[in-house]
Protein backbone atom coordinates (compact mmCIF):
# COMPACT_ATOMS: atom_id res chain seq x y z
CA MET A 1 46.76 87.80 -30.79
CA SER A 2 45.10 88.00 -34.10
CA GLU A 3 41.37 87.84 -34.61
CA VAL A 4 41.82 84.49 -36.27
CA ASP A 5 43.56 83.19 -33.17
CA GLU A 6 40.65 84.29 -31.01
CA LYS A 7 38.19 82.15 -32.97
CA ALA A 8 37.68 78.50 -32.19
CA ARG A 9 39.42 76.17 -34.53
CA PRO A 10 37.38 73.51 -36.30
CA GLY A 11 37.07 70.41 -34.07
CA ASP A 12 37.84 72.32 -30.88
CA GLN A 13 35.41 71.66 -27.99
CA LYS A 14 34.14 74.34 -25.76
CA PRO A 15 34.90 73.97 -22.03
CA ASP A 16 31.22 73.57 -21.23
CA ASP A 17 30.95 70.67 -23.68
CA ARG A 18 33.90 68.90 -22.12
CA ARG A 19 32.46 69.33 -18.64
CA ARG A 20 29.12 67.94 -19.74
CA ARG A 21 30.79 64.90 -21.34
CA ARG A 22 32.86 64.21 -18.21
CA ALA A 23 29.78 64.57 -16.00
CA GLY A 24 27.82 62.14 -18.19
CA TRP A 25 30.66 59.61 -18.11
CA TRP A 26 30.87 59.76 -14.33
CA SER A 27 27.09 59.46 -14.10
CA TRP A 28 27.20 56.28 -16.24
CA ARG A 29 29.96 54.85 -14.05
CA ALA A 30 27.96 55.65 -10.92
CA ARG A 31 24.85 53.98 -12.28
CA THR A 32 26.81 50.88 -13.31
CA ALA A 33 28.57 50.66 -9.95
CA ALA A 34 25.26 51.05 -8.11
CA ALA A 35 23.70 48.24 -10.16
CA VAL A 36 26.63 45.88 -9.48
CA LEU A 37 26.59 46.74 -5.78
CA GLY A 38 22.86 46.18 -5.61
CA ALA A 39 23.23 42.76 -7.24
CA LEU A 40 25.97 41.83 -4.80
CA LEU A 41 23.90 42.94 -1.84
CA ALA A 42 20.86 41.02 -3.11
CA GLY A 43 22.96 37.91 -3.67
CA GLY A 44 24.47 38.25 -0.23
CA GLY A 45 21.04 38.55 1.31
CA ALA A 46 19.78 35.43 -0.48
CA TYR A 47 22.71 33.06 0.03
CA ALA A 48 25.41 34.36 2.34
CA ALA A 49 25.39 33.50 6.04
CA SER A 50 25.88 36.33 8.45
CA ASN A 51 27.79 36.37 11.68
CA TRP A 52 24.52 36.09 13.60
CA VAL A 53 24.38 32.36 14.38
CA VAL A 54 20.89 31.06 15.26
CA GLY A 55 20.45 27.87 17.30
CA LEU A 56 17.57 25.50 18.13
CA ASN A 57 15.62 25.27 21.36
CA SER A 58 15.62 21.96 23.17
CA ALA A 59 12.56 19.72 22.72
CA SER A 60 11.95 21.10 19.22
CA SER A 61 9.91 18.43 17.44
CA GLY A 62 7.00 17.57 15.14
CA GLN A 63 3.91 15.39 15.27
CA GLY A 64 3.25 12.04 13.59
CA GLN A 65 0.40 9.57 13.91
CA SER A 66 0.13 5.80 13.51
CA ALA A 67 -2.60 3.97 11.63
CA GLY A 68 -5.28 1.93 13.34
CA ILE A 69 -5.88 -1.81 13.07
CA ALA A 70 -8.91 -3.30 11.30
CA ASN A 71 -9.68 -7.01 11.03
CA LEU A 72 -9.45 -8.87 7.74
CA THR A 73 -12.44 -10.56 6.13
CA ILE A 74 -12.23 -13.99 4.50
CA SER A 75 -15.09 -14.87 2.15
CA ALA A 76 -16.04 -17.80 -0.06
CA VAL A 77 -15.66 -17.14 -3.78
CA ALA A 78 -16.57 -19.14 -6.88
CA SER A 79 -13.71 -18.06 -9.15
CA PRO A 80 -11.30 -19.57 -9.84
CA SER A 81 -13.20 -22.80 -9.43
CA ALA A 82 -11.74 -25.60 -7.33
CA THR A 83 -9.56 -28.07 -9.21
CA ASN A 84 -9.59 -30.87 -6.63
CA LEU A 85 -13.19 -31.87 -5.88
CA LEU A 86 -14.51 -33.53 -2.74
CA TYR A 87 -15.74 -37.13 -2.45
CA PRO A 88 -16.29 -39.41 0.58
CA GLY A 89 -12.93 -40.03 2.25
CA GLY A 90 -11.15 -37.52 -0.01
CA THR A 91 -9.93 -33.94 0.11
CA GLY A 92 -10.68 -30.93 -2.06
CA ASP A 93 -9.77 -27.31 -2.67
CA VAL A 94 -11.28 -24.28 -0.94
CA VAL A 95 -11.25 -20.90 -2.70
CA VAL A 96 -11.44 -17.69 -0.67
CA THR A 97 -10.95 -13.95 -1.01
CA ILE A 98 -9.14 -12.11 1.78
CA ALA A 99 -9.96 -8.40 2.11
CA ASN A 100 -7.60 -6.03 3.90
CA PRO A 101 -9.12 -2.64 4.87
CA ASN A 102 -5.90 -1.39 6.48
CA PRO A 103 -3.69 1.29 4.87
CA TYR A 104 -0.71 -1.07 5.04
CA PRO A 105 0.01 -4.66 3.91
CA VAL A 106 -0.97 -7.54 6.20
CA THR A 107 0.88 -10.86 6.18
CA ILE A 108 -0.88 -14.07 7.24
CA THR A 109 1.23 -17.00 8.42
CA ALA A 110 -1.34 -19.37 9.95
CA VAL A 111 -5.06 -20.05 10.30
CA GLN A 112 -7.04 -21.35 13.27
CA LEU A 113 -9.77 -23.90 12.65
CA PRO A 114 -13.06 -24.91 14.32
CA THR A 115 -13.58 -28.47 15.55
CA ASN A 116 -13.79 -31.50 13.30
CA THR A 117 -17.50 -31.75 14.10
CA THR A 118 -18.22 -28.27 12.72
CA TYR A 119 -19.58 -28.98 9.23
CA ALA A 120 -19.95 -27.03 6.00
CA SER A 121 -23.35 -26.17 4.55
CA GLY A 122 -24.24 -27.41 1.06
CA PHE A 123 -25.67 -25.24 -1.76
CA SER A 124 -26.88 -26.03 -5.24
CA ASN A 125 -25.26 -22.97 -6.85
CA SER A 126 -21.79 -21.41 -6.75
CA LEU A 127 -23.14 -18.14 -5.35
CA LEU A 128 -24.13 -20.09 -2.23
CA THR A 129 -27.64 -18.66 -2.20
CA THR A 130 -29.77 -21.79 -2.66
CA ALA A 131 -29.47 -24.47 0.02
CA GLN A 132 -28.99 -28.07 -1.11
CA ALA A 133 -31.72 -30.17 0.47
CA GLY A 134 -30.38 -32.96 2.67
CA CYS A 135 -26.84 -31.51 2.74
CA ALA A 136 -26.96 -28.94 5.53
CA ALA A 137 -24.39 -28.48 8.26
CA ALA A 138 -26.86 -29.98 10.71
CA THR A 139 -27.53 -33.09 8.57
CA PRO A 140 -24.47 -33.27 8.78
CA SER A 141 -22.87 -32.76 5.39
CA GLY A 142 -19.68 -34.52 6.48
CA VAL A 143 -17.48 -31.73 5.02
CA ILE A 144 -14.93 -30.22 7.40
CA TRP A 145 -11.57 -28.46 7.34
CA ASN A 146 -8.67 -30.81 6.77
CA PHE A 147 -6.49 -31.37 9.86
CA SER A 148 -9.12 -29.92 12.21
CA THR A 149 -9.34 -31.69 15.56
CA ALA A 150 -11.74 -32.11 18.48
CA THR A 151 -10.34 -28.86 19.88
CA SER A 152 -11.52 -25.54 18.53
CA GLY A 153 -8.89 -22.96 17.58
CA THR A 154 -6.00 -25.24 16.65
CA SER A 155 -3.41 -23.31 14.63
CA HIS A 156 -2.13 -24.48 11.24
CA THR A 157 0.88 -22.86 9.58
CA LEU A 158 0.59 -21.97 5.92
CA THR A 159 3.11 -23.44 3.49
CA SER A 160 3.83 -19.88 2.28
CA ALA A 161 3.01 -16.63 4.04
CA LEU A 162 0.29 -14.63 2.31
CA THR A 163 0.57 -10.83 2.12
CA VAL A 164 -2.55 -8.84 1.28
CA ALA A 165 -1.90 -5.37 -0.15
CA ALA A 166 -2.95 -2.22 1.69
CA ASN A 167 -6.65 -1.55 1.08
CA GLY A 168 -6.61 -4.55 -1.23
CA SER A 169 -7.78 -8.12 -1.59
CA LEU A 170 -6.22 -11.46 -2.40
CA THR A 171 -7.88 -14.54 -3.88
CA VAL A 172 -6.38 -17.81 -2.63
CA THR A 173 -6.98 -21.47 -3.39
CA PHE A 174 -6.23 -23.61 -0.35
CA THR A 175 -5.24 -26.85 -1.99
CA ASN A 176 -6.87 -29.98 -0.51
CA ASP A 177 -7.67 -28.23 2.76
CA ALA A 178 -11.26 -29.46 2.91
CA THR A 179 -12.14 -33.08 3.56
CA MET A 180 -15.35 -35.09 3.21
CA THR A 181 -15.97 -37.88 5.69
CA THR A 182 -17.08 -41.32 4.50
CA SER A 183 -20.45 -40.73 6.16
CA ALA A 184 -21.37 -37.82 3.86
CA PRO A 185 -24.97 -38.25 2.58
CA ALA A 186 -25.76 -38.90 -1.08
CA ALA A 187 -27.63 -35.57 -1.13
CA CYS A 188 -24.20 -33.85 -1.12
CA VAL A 189 -23.33 -35.02 -4.65
CA SER A 190 -22.49 -32.16 -7.06
CA THR A 191 -22.76 -29.60 -4.28
CA TYR A 192 -21.02 -26.32 -3.47
CA PHE A 193 -19.99 -25.86 0.16
CA SER A 194 -19.77 -22.88 2.44
CA MET A 195 -16.98 -23.91 4.77
CA PRO A 196 -17.20 -23.30 8.53
CA SER A 197 -15.80 -19.98 9.68
CA PHE A 198 -12.15 -19.81 10.70
CA THR A 199 -11.77 -19.13 14.40
CA GLY A 200 -8.81 -16.85 13.80
CA ILE A 201 -5.61 -16.12 11.90
CA THR A 202 -2.02 -15.33 12.76
CA ALA A 203 -1.19 -12.11 10.96
CA THR A 204 0.91 -8.97 11.27
CA GLY A 205 0.70 -5.57 9.61
CA GLY A 206 3.63 -3.70 8.13
CA ALA A 207 5.69 -3.07 5.04
CA ALA A 208 5.88 -6.16 2.80
CA THR A 209 5.53 -7.18 -0.84
CA ALA A 210 1.97 -8.18 -1.67
CA THR A 211 1.29 -11.72 -2.86
CA SER A 212 0.13 -11.84 -6.48
CA SER A 213 -3.54 -12.71 -6.92
CA PRO A 214 -4.82 -15.34 -7.47
CA ALA A 215 -2.51 -17.40 -5.27
CA THR A 216 -2.27 -21.03 -4.20
CA ASP A 217 -1.42 -22.11 -0.67
CA SER A 218 -2.20 -24.74 1.95
CA TRP A 219 -1.52 -26.09 5.39
CA THR A 220 -0.31 -29.67 5.56
CA SER A 221 -0.74 -30.55 9.21
């Protein structure tokens, strides 16, 4: 072989170079395969179910708790002012605010009234802070709840049920649910009245749509 033949031709690669290139290519393939396998294993660990089936012990449970019950409060209020005003032998409106301290709505369907000899007290101002002379409950004023009887605690169904929102209040005008007897004294002219306390209500607590305030309602018997 000639000396020229012994020399490397231009472009020829040495064996060591070829081995290094093949080793690098296999190293790249190994790294790529390892990355793909790792991703598959991670995905399998996050989402795939194994053959190890896990069950649930009997009596597995959780704890809940119910709310308590708090009474409502019904108070006299000056606004909105009564439209139908009292006069001897006539009826008039009563305006109240009902406060519900419970964390759920409360629906009222009836009220219970004191006797027809339990009278309202008269005041000279709408805030009910200054007594009207000669028009006290003991006088008597002659103002009582309409449809009250000689028996205390008689129940009277509302025309429409009233629902007070959870932890809310509702202002209601009871139309013509006060009455003034014909014996009412002249001192009760142009007077504001604090009506006798209700003896009770018929109400239930639970999910319901609250009545819009202010509302109008009544009992008619």
